[in-house]
Amino acid sequence: MTQFPDLANPQRRALEVVTEVAIEKECKPFLVGGPVRDLLLGRHVFDIDLTLEDGASTLARALAKHIGGRVRSFPQFMTYKIFAEDLPEIDIATARKERYRVPGALPTVSEGKLKDDLLRRDFTINAMAFGLLDNAVHDPAGGEKDLNDRLIRVLHEGSFADDPTRIFRAIRLARRLGFLLEPATDELLRTAIEQDALASVSKERIWRELFFAMDEAEAPAVLADLLRRGALRILIGPREADSQLAARLESLSAAIAADTTLDRYILYTSALLDPASRPQQMEGSGFSQKRLRIVLHIANDLPRFEHDLAHAATDRQRFRLFKAVSPEMLAALEIHRPEERETIERFRQYRAFKLALRGSDLDVPPGPHVAKALERTREAVFNGEIAAADARAFAQEVALKYLKREQRTEIT
């Protein structure tokens, strides 16, 4: 088993201080779930998830005091979260049993033993624990064997019915780790989708799982797999993941990696939607009205935007079209129309271009015409219509022309 010295800071320091406080308070904490899986795989451990059969509250509060942190308690789930500077968040829970009263509902929890807590989890490779005091691995479901065999396996036949969001987690985890779904698990997942198990889950929970999928390093493959299997039908209707869509998702991933200001959720969602999508399909997504408009604009209006762009004769006309759309629309356009990539890059340079000229330099009456004239001048200098040395005279002339136009409009 991997020991603390093999962990990167600050996770190693967090576990060392937990162990120190646990010894003092005579508690027996276990590292559980994903962190144990990742330790066994030699992967980086991000989360510190701990479970105790007894004394979770005692350990949480003593730990927060010891490290000068603060603790938040969630009594309905019997969990605690500890926050401290220079340490990762530490989750501490009482070992629990779960009961699903109806499929798809959140479970009812009650106190249990460590084995109960492990066997309530989603997959065998997430159902292991590591004792911080005795360095013992607890593996009641055979997770370590499945790790070695590189398989994702549910713990029981009703797993996807109890919590259909496990469909998303199975596919995410398989792609992230490069594992396969164990054959019986694959069949159970397929059956759950065919029988509309996801209909028993709120749209909010499904969207949240979809956004988690978009956060994965292998997001294009995860999304294509979810689409191919029909897991997204409940959100976006029936649609098959053709090779063109798969390639487009890969291109979007590259664009997001190159420009971290792009909204990945807007880009991926718009790519998954069919043209003529409606706002009703976004129910539960949590998108603001502004982000929702951008999603639908890309999904529905990209062909029209391409048509308008094809009829633009000059860079100035193209820039006017580019100004009216989101950065995400431009990223989608680059993927659909690679021949426009050079012009779009010029527009990005133009957007960052500054003109050493202010409205007060023009000696004209203030008003909206001044801002319009400065923008027109910036455009003219960038495109080489005029020399930078002539910018002030040009801006002044244009501002006066705009002012006269405004005055004529007011008179009429």
Protein backbone atom coordinates (compact mmCIF):
# COMPACT_ATOMS: atom_id res chain seq x y z
CA MET A 1 0.00 0.00 0.00
CA THR A 2 1.23 3.51 -0.80
CA GLN A 3 2.32 5.38 2.32
CA PHE A 4 2.04 9.07 3.16
CA PRO A 5 5.61 9.95 2.08
CA ASP A 6 4.62 9.01 -1.47
CA LEU A 7 1.85 11.61 -1.49
CA ALA A 8 2.32 15.13 -2.73
CA ASN A 9 1.83 18.08 -0.43
CA PRO A 10 -0.54 19.37 0.87
CA GLN A 11 -2.46 16.06 0.94
CA ARG A 12 0.37 14.29 2.75
CA ARG A 13 0.51 16.96 5.46
CA ALA A 14 -3.26 16.80 5.85
CA LEU A 15 -3.20 13.05 6.49
CA GLU A 16 -0.25 13.35 8.86
CA VAL A 17 -2.03 15.93 11.01
CA VAL A 18 -5.27 13.89 10.94
CA THR A 19 -3.33 10.87 12.17
CA GLU A 20 -1.70 12.91 14.94
CA VAL A 21 -5.04 14.24 16.19
CA ALA A 22 -6.73 10.84 15.83
CA ILE A 23 -4.11 9.21 18.07
CA GLU A 24 -4.57 11.95 20.66
CA LYS A 25 -8.38 11.57 20.62
CA GLU A 26 -8.32 7.76 20.34
CA CYS A 27 -10.26 7.80 17.07
CA LYS A 28 -9.87 5.37 14.15
CA PRO A 29 -10.23 7.22 10.83
CA PHE A 30 -10.20 5.46 7.45
CA LEU A 31 -9.36 7.02 4.12
CA VAL A 32 -12.17 5.84 1.83
CA GLY A 33 -13.35 5.73 -1.76
CA GLY A 34 -11.64 7.45 -4.66
CA PRO A 35 -8.50 8.50 -2.73
CA VAL A 36 -7.74 4.86 -1.88
CA ARG A 37 -8.31 3.84 -5.50
CA ASP A 38 -5.93 6.53 -6.72
CA LEU A 39 -3.29 5.64 -4.12
CA LEU A 40 -3.34 2.03 -5.28
CA LEU A 41 -3.09 3.16 -8.91
CA GLY A 42 -0.22 5.53 -8.15
CA ARG A 43 -2.30 8.50 -9.28
CA HIS A 44 -2.37 11.93 -7.67
CA VAL A 45 -4.78 12.11 -4.75
CA PHE A 46 -6.80 15.33 -4.63
CA ASP A 47 -9.54 14.61 -2.09
CA ILE A 48 -9.23 13.72 1.58
CA ASP A 49 -12.35 11.69 2.41
CA LEU A 50 -12.37 10.07 5.85
CA THR A 51 -14.88 7.79 7.58
CA LEU A 52 -15.12 6.73 11.23
CA GLU A 53 -17.43 4.25 12.88
CA ASP A 54 -17.35 6.39 16.04
CA GLY A 55 -16.08 9.86 16.92
CA ALA A 56 -16.47 11.74 13.61
CA SER A 57 -17.64 14.89 15.41
CA THR A 58 -14.85 14.63 18.00
CA LEU A 59 -12.17 14.27 15.34
CA ALA A 60 -13.58 17.02 13.12
CA ARG A 61 -13.73 19.62 15.86
CA ALA A 62 -10.38 18.67 17.41
CA LEU A 63 -8.74 18.75 13.98
CA ALA A 64 -10.16 22.19 13.15
CA LYS A 65 -8.90 23.52 16.48
CA HIS A 66 -5.47 21.93 16.02
CA ILE A 67 -4.87 23.46 12.58
CA GLY A 68 -6.61 26.77 13.26
CA GLY A 69 -9.32 26.00 10.72
CA ARG A 70 -13.08 26.01 10.73
CA VAL A 71 -15.58 23.20 10.52
CA ARG A 72 -18.99 22.98 8.82
CA SER A 73 -21.36 20.23 9.86
CA PHE A 74 -24.12 18.61 7.80
CA PRO A 75 -26.18 16.71 10.36
CA GLN A 76 -28.60 15.22 7.82
CA PHE A 77 -25.69 13.43 6.16
CA MET A 78 -23.60 12.95 9.32
CA THR A 79 -20.64 14.66 7.66
CA TYR A 80 -18.20 17.45 8.46
CA LYS A 81 -16.00 19.59 6.24
CA ILE A 82 -12.83 21.19 7.61
CA PHE A 83 -11.22 24.22 5.97
CA ALA A 84 -7.74 25.53 6.80
CA GLU A 85 -5.18 27.67 5.04
CA ASP A 86 -2.55 25.75 3.03
CA LEU A 87 -4.39 22.44 3.41
CA PRO A 88 -6.98 20.77 1.14
CA GLU A 89 -10.57 20.48 2.31
CA ILE A 90 -10.96 17.50 4.62
CA ASP A 91 -14.25 15.59 4.65
CA ILE A 92 -15.04 13.52 7.71
CA ALA A 93 -18.13 11.31 7.93
CA THR A 94 -19.73 8.80 10.22
CA ALA A 95 -19.89 5.36 8.59
CA ARG A 96 -23.36 5.07 7.07
CA LYS A 97 -25.92 2.68 5.77
CA GLU A 98 -28.18 3.82 2.92
CA ARG A 99 -31.69 2.89 1.87
CA TYR A 100 -33.36 4.01 -1.36
CA ARG A 101 -37.09 4.35 -0.72
CA VAL A 102 -37.79 4.83 -4.44
CA PRO A 103 -35.47 4.53 -7.45
CA GLY A 104 -33.67 7.75 -8.32
CA ALA A 105 -34.37 9.46 -5.00
CA LEU A 106 -31.67 10.59 -2.63
CA PRO A 107 -31.04 7.85 -0.07
CA THR A 108 -32.02 7.80 3.58
CA VAL A 109 -28.91 7.38 5.70
CA SER A 110 -28.32 5.92 9.14
CA GLU A 111 -25.26 5.02 11.19
CA GLY A 112 -23.46 1.84 10.22
CA LYS A 113 -20.17 0.02 10.28
CA LEU A 114 -17.24 0.53 7.93
CA LYS A 115 -18.31 -2.42 5.78
CA ASP A 116 -21.82 -0.95 5.47
CA ASP A 117 -20.31 2.32 4.35
CA LEU A 118 -18.13 0.69 1.72
CA LEU A 119 -20.85 -1.55 0.32
CA ARG A 120 -23.25 1.37 -0.21
CA ARG A 121 -20.88 2.89 -2.80
CA ASP A 122 -21.09 2.88 -6.57
CA PHE A 123 -18.28 0.64 -7.85
CA THR A 124 -15.98 -1.95 -6.33
CA ILE A 125 -12.88 0.14 -7.01
CA ASN A 126 -14.44 2.94 -4.93
CA ALA A 127 -15.44 0.59 -2.10
CA MET A 128 -12.07 0.30 -0.36
CA ALA A 129 -10.73 1.88 2.83
CA PHE A 130 -7.26 2.45 4.26
CA GLY A 131 -6.81 2.64 8.02
CA LEU A 132 -4.66 5.63 8.92
CA LEU A 133 -3.57 4.07 12.21
CA ASP A 134 -2.94 0.44 11.17
CA ASN A 135 -2.15 0.91 7.44
CA ALA A 136 -4.62 -1.91 6.66
CA VAL A 137 -6.62 -2.05 3.43
CA HIS A 138 -10.31 -3.00 3.80
CA ASP A 139 -11.74 -4.37 0.55
CA PRO A 140 -15.06 -6.20 1.06
CA ALA A 141 -16.12 -6.07 -2.61
CA GLY A 142 -12.93 -7.14 -4.38
CA GLY A 143 -12.05 -3.68 -5.62
CA GLU A 144 -8.29 -4.29 -5.68
CA LYS A 145 -8.73 -7.23 -8.07
CA ASP A 146 -10.89 -5.09 -10.36
CA LEU A 147 -8.20 -2.40 -10.25
CA ASN A 148 -5.66 -4.95 -11.41
CA ASP A 149 -8.06 -6.21 -14.11
CA ARG A 150 -8.89 -2.60 -15.10
CA LEU A 151 -12.65 -3.07 -14.72
CA ILE A 152 -15.56 -0.91 -13.55
CA ARG A 153 -18.02 -3.12 -11.68
CA VAL A 154 -21.17 -2.20 -9.72
CA LEU A 155 -21.68 -3.73 -6.29
CA HIS A 156 -25.14 -5.18 -6.95
CA GLU A 157 -27.68 -5.62 -9.75
CA GLY A 158 -29.91 -2.79 -8.55
CA SER A 159 -27.14 -0.19 -8.49
CA PHE A 160 -28.20 1.80 -11.58
CA ALA A 161 -31.86 1.60 -10.59
CA ASP A 162 -31.14 2.92 -7.09
CA ASP A 163 -29.09 5.83 -8.43
CA PRO A 164 -29.21 6.24 -12.22
CA THR A 165 -26.63 9.04 -12.11
CA ARG A 166 -24.14 6.20 -11.64
CA ILE A 167 -24.54 5.72 -15.40
CA PHE A 168 -22.65 8.97 -15.91
CA ARG A 169 -20.08 8.17 -13.25
CA ALA A 170 -19.34 4.72 -14.70
CA ILE A 171 -18.59 6.16 -18.13
CA ARG A 172 -16.58 9.07 -16.73
CA LEU A 173 -14.49 6.81 -14.55
CA ALA A 174 -13.89 4.27 -17.29
CA ARG A 175 -12.59 6.94 -19.66
CA ARG A 176 -10.54 8.70 -16.99
CA LEU A 177 -8.76 5.52 -15.92
CA GLY A 178 -8.68 3.75 -19.27
CA PHE A 179 -10.79 0.89 -17.82
CA LEU A 180 -13.58 -1.18 -19.34
CA LEU A 181 -17.05 -1.74 -17.95
CA GLU A 182 -17.24 -5.30 -16.61
CA PRO A 183 -19.62 -7.19 -19.00
CA ALA A 184 -22.49 -7.65 -16.52
CA THR A 185 -22.17 -4.01 -15.43
CA ASP A 186 -22.21 -2.91 -19.06
CA GLU A 187 -25.43 -4.87 -19.62
CA LEU A 188 -27.04 -3.44 -16.47
CA LEU A 189 -26.13 0.08 -17.61
CA ARG A 190 -27.57 -0.52 -21.08
CA THR A 191 -30.79 -1.90 -19.62
CA ALA A 192 -31.15 1.03 -17.21
CA ILE A 193 -30.90 3.51 -20.09
CA GLU A 194 -33.34 1.54 -22.26
CA GLN A 195 -35.85 1.41 -19.40
CA ASP A 196 -35.58 5.20 -18.85
CA ALA A 197 -34.12 4.89 -15.36
CA LEU A 198 -32.88 8.48 -15.63
CA ALA A 199 -36.50 9.70 -15.78
CA SER A 200 -36.67 9.10 -12.02
CA VAL A 201 -33.90 11.68 -11.40
CA SER A 202 -34.33 15.45 -11.37
CA LYS A 203 -33.06 17.36 -14.40
CA GLU A 204 -30.83 19.37 -12.08
CA ARG A 205 -28.95 16.24 -10.97
CA ILE A 206 -28.56 14.97 -14.53
CA TRP A 207 -27.23 18.32 -15.76
CA ARG A 208 -24.79 18.38 -12.85
CA GLU A 209 -23.46 14.96 -13.88
CA LEU A 210 -23.21 16.12 -17.49
CA PHE A 211 -21.19 19.18 -16.44
CA PHE A 212 -18.89 16.88 -14.43
CA ALA A 213 -18.38 14.94 -17.66
CA MET A 214 -17.40 18.19 -19.40
CA ASP A 215 -14.75 18.77 -16.73
CA GLU A 216 -12.96 15.51 -17.54
CA ALA A 217 -9.66 15.54 -19.39
CA GLU A 218 -11.26 13.01 -21.74
CA ALA A 219 -14.47 15.04 -22.05
CA PRO A 220 -14.95 14.52 -25.83
CA ALA A 221 -14.79 10.73 -25.48
CA VAL A 222 -17.04 10.74 -22.39
CA LEU A 223 -19.66 12.93 -24.07
CA ALA A 224 -19.60 10.89 -27.28
CA ASP A 225 -20.02 7.69 -25.24
CA LEU A 226 -22.91 9.12 -23.23
CA LEU A 227 -24.57 10.24 -26.46
CA ARG A 228 -23.97 6.94 -28.24
CA ARG A 229 -25.47 4.99 -25.35
CA GLY A 230 -28.58 7.20 -25.20
CA ALA A 231 -27.86 8.57 -21.72
CA LEU A 232 -28.43 12.17 -22.91
CA ARG A 233 -31.77 11.46 -24.56
CA ILE A 234 -33.67 12.68 -21.51
CA LEU A 235 -32.01 16.11 -21.80
CA ILE A 236 -31.55 16.74 -25.50
CA GLY A 237 -33.75 14.17 -27.21
CA PRO A 238 -32.59 11.36 -29.50
CA ARG A 239 -29.33 11.99 -31.31
CA GLU A 240 -26.49 9.78 -32.44
CA ALA A 241 -22.83 10.64 -31.95
CA ASP A 242 -21.55 10.54 -35.53
CA SER A 243 -17.87 10.79 -36.40
CA GLN A 244 -18.25 14.44 -37.38
CA LEU A 245 -19.61 15.32 -33.94
CA ALA A 246 -16.88 13.31 -32.21
CA ALA A 247 -14.23 15.18 -34.21
CA ARG A 248 -15.91 18.50 -33.41
CA LEU A 249 -15.88 17.72 -29.69
CA GLU A 250 -12.16 16.98 -29.91
CA SER A 251 -11.59 20.29 -31.68
CA LEU A 252 -13.59 22.11 -29.02
CA SER A 253 -11.46 20.48 -26.33
CA ALA A 254 -8.32 21.78 -28.04
CA ALA A 255 -9.83 25.28 -28.31
CA ILE A 256 -10.74 25.28 -24.60
CA ALA A 257 -7.23 24.16 -23.65
CA ALA A 258 -5.75 26.96 -25.78
CA ASP A 259 -8.04 29.67 -24.38
CA THR A 260 -9.08 29.16 -20.76
CA THR A 261 -11.46 32.15 -20.93
CA LEU A 262 -13.85 30.16 -23.11
CA ASP A 263 -16.91 28.69 -21.36
CA ARG A 264 -16.55 24.93 -21.81
CA TYR A 265 -20.13 24.25 -20.74
CA ILE A 266 -21.54 26.59 -23.39
CA LEU A 267 -19.35 25.11 -26.12
CA TYR A 268 -19.93 21.45 -25.33
CA THR A 269 -23.67 21.88 -24.72
CA SER A 270 -24.19 23.77 -27.98
CA ALA A 271 -22.33 21.02 -29.84
CA LEU A 272 -24.56 18.32 -28.33
CA LEU A 273 -27.82 20.08 -29.21
CA ASP A 274 -29.64 19.70 -32.49
CA PRO A 275 -30.46 22.80 -34.57
CA ALA A 276 -33.84 24.29 -33.67
CA SER A 277 -33.29 23.53 -29.98
CA ARG A 278 -35.54 25.36 -27.56
CA PRO A 279 -34.98 26.94 -24.11
CA GLN A 280 -37.22 24.27 -22.57
CA GLN A 281 -34.48 21.70 -23.22
CA MET A 282 -32.23 23.63 -20.84
CA GLU A 283 -34.56 23.16 -17.86
CA GLY A 284 -32.50 22.42 -14.77
CA SER A 285 -29.18 23.34 -16.37
CA GLY A 286 -28.69 26.43 -14.22
CA PHE A 287 -27.55 28.48 -17.21
CA SER A 288 -28.17 32.20 -16.76
CA GLN A 289 -30.34 33.89 -19.41
CA LYS A 290 -27.22 35.34 -21.03
CA ARG A 291 -25.39 32.00 -21.20
CA LEU A 292 -28.57 30.26 -22.37
CA ARG A 293 -28.89 32.73 -25.26
CA ILE A 294 -25.29 32.02 -26.28
CA VAL A 295 -25.83 28.24 -26.18
CA LEU A 296 -28.92 28.45 -28.37
CA HIS A 297 -27.34 31.05 -30.66
CA ILE A 298 -24.47 28.67 -31.45
CA ALA A 299 -26.68 25.58 -31.71
CA ASN A 300 -29.35 27.21 -33.89
CA ASP A 301 -27.76 30.14 -35.73
CA LEU A 302 -24.24 29.06 -36.64
CA PRO A 303 -25.22 28.20 -40.28
CA ARG A 304 -26.87 31.63 -40.66
CA PHE A 305 -23.80 33.33 -39.22
CA GLU A 306 -21.60 31.40 -41.66
CA HIS A 307 -23.86 32.56 -44.51
CA ASP A 308 -23.57 36.22 -43.48
CA LEU A 309 -19.83 35.86 -43.15
CA ALA A 310 -19.53 34.35 -46.62
CA HIS A 311 -21.16 37.50 -48.05
CA ALA A 312 -18.84 39.90 -46.19
CA ALA A 313 -16.48 41.42 -48.75
CA THR A 314 -13.94 43.10 -46.44
CA ASP A 315 -12.29 42.53 -43.08
CA ARG A 316 -14.14 45.54 -41.77
CA GLN A 317 -17.46 43.90 -42.60
CA ARG A 318 -16.30 40.63 -41.06
CA PHE A 319 -15.14 42.43 -37.91
CA ARG A 320 -18.58 43.97 -37.52
CA LEU A 321 -20.09 40.50 -37.60
CA PHE A 322 -17.51 39.18 -35.14
CA LYS A 323 -18.19 42.04 -32.70
CA ALA A 324 -21.82 41.01 -32.42
CA VAL A 325 -21.18 37.44 -31.24
CA SER A 326 -19.63 35.71 -28.24
CA PRO A 327 -16.06 34.36 -28.06
CA GLU A 328 -17.65 30.90 -27.89
CA MET A 329 -19.41 31.48 -31.22
CA LEU A 330 -16.08 32.47 -32.77
CA ALA A 331 -14.46 29.30 -31.40
CA ALA A 332 -17.28 27.20 -32.87
CA LEU A 333 -16.95 29.05 -36.18
CA GLU A 334 -13.23 28.29 -36.37
CA ILE A 335 -14.03 24.61 -36.09
CA HIS A 336 -16.82 24.70 -38.69
CA ARG A 337 -14.95 27.01 -41.07
CA PRO A 338 -11.17 26.51 -40.69
CA GLU A 339 -10.61 28.85 -43.64
CA GLU A 340 -11.80 31.73 -41.43
CA ARG A 341 -9.20 31.01 -38.74
CA GLU A 342 -6.75 33.64 -40.01
CA THR A 343 -9.43 36.36 -40.13
CA ILE A 344 -10.69 35.45 -36.67
CA GLU A 345 -7.16 35.63 -35.30
CA ARG A 346 -6.78 39.07 -36.87
CA PHE A 347 -10.01 40.10 -35.15
CA ARG A 348 -8.66 38.90 -31.80
CA GLN A 349 -5.57 41.00 -32.38
CA TYR A 350 -7.80 43.93 -33.30
CA ARG A 351 -9.84 43.46 -30.13
CA ALA A 352 -6.63 43.77 -28.08
CA PHE A 353 -5.32 46.73 -30.13
CA LYS A 354 -5.15 50.03 -28.20
CA LEU A 355 -5.20 53.52 -29.68
CA ALA A 356 -3.30 56.28 -27.86
CA LEU A 357 -6.16 58.71 -28.28
CA ARG A 358 -8.90 59.95 -25.93
CA GLY A 359 -12.12 61.80 -26.49
CA SER A 360 -10.75 64.91 -24.80
CA ASP A 361 -8.05 65.09 -27.50
CA LEU A 362 -10.57 65.77 -30.26
CA ASP A 363 -11.83 69.27 -29.34
CA VAL A 364 -15.43 68.41 -30.21
CA PRO A 365 -18.60 68.57 -28.07
CA PRO A 366 -18.99 65.46 -25.86
CA GLY A 367 -21.55 62.80 -26.65
CA PRO A 368 -21.97 59.26 -28.03
CA HIS A 369 -20.55 60.37 -31.37
CA VAL A 370 -17.09 60.65 -29.75
CA ALA A 371 -16.94 57.01 -28.67
CA LYS A 372 -18.16 55.91 -32.09
CA ALA A 373 -15.51 58.05 -33.79
CA LEU A 374 -12.72 56.65 -31.60
CA GLU A 375 -13.82 53.10 -32.39
CA ARG A 376 -13.96 53.85 -36.12
CA THR A 377 -10.48 55.39 -35.92
CA ARG A 378 -9.07 52.40 -34.05
CA GLU A 379 -10.46 50.17 -36.77
CA ALA A 380 -8.99 52.37 -39.52
CA VAL A 381 -5.50 52.43 -37.98
CA PHE A 382 -5.49 48.67 -37.36
CA ASN A 383 -6.61 47.86 -40.91
CA GLY A 384 -4.08 50.27 -42.44
CA GLU A 385 -6.66 52.67 -43.85
CA ILE A 386 -4.81 55.54 -42.21
CA ALA A 387 -1.45 56.06 -40.54
CA ALA A 388 -1.28 56.23 -36.75
CA ALA A 389 0.04 59.82 -37.07
CA ASP A 390 -3.22 60.84 -38.76
CA ALA A 391 -5.48 59.27 -36.13
CA ARG A 392 -6.38 62.48 -34.27
CA ALA A 393 -7.38 64.43 -37.39
CA PHE A 394 -9.32 61.45 -38.74
CA ALA A 395 -11.16 60.90 -35.43
CA GLN A 396 -12.04 64.59 -35.18
CA GLU A 397 -13.45 64.64 -38.70
CA VAL A 398 -15.47 61.47 -38.13
CA ALA A 399 -16.78 62.71 -34.75
CA LEU A 400 -18.06 65.94 -36.32
CA LYS A 401 -19.71 63.96 -39.11
CA TYR A 402 -21.45 61.70 -36.58
CA LEU A 403 -22.50 64.73 -34.53
CA LYS A 404 -24.15 66.39 -37.55
CA ARG A 405 -25.95 63.14 -38.30
CA GLU A 406 -27.26 63.02 -34.71
CA GLN A 407 -28.41 66.64 -34.90
CA ARG A 408 -30.29 66.01 -38.14
CA THR A 409 -31.96 63.00 -36.54
CA GLU A 410 -33.07 65.10 -33.57
CA ILE A 411 -34.57 67.79 -35.84
CA THR A 412 -36.58 65.28 -37.83
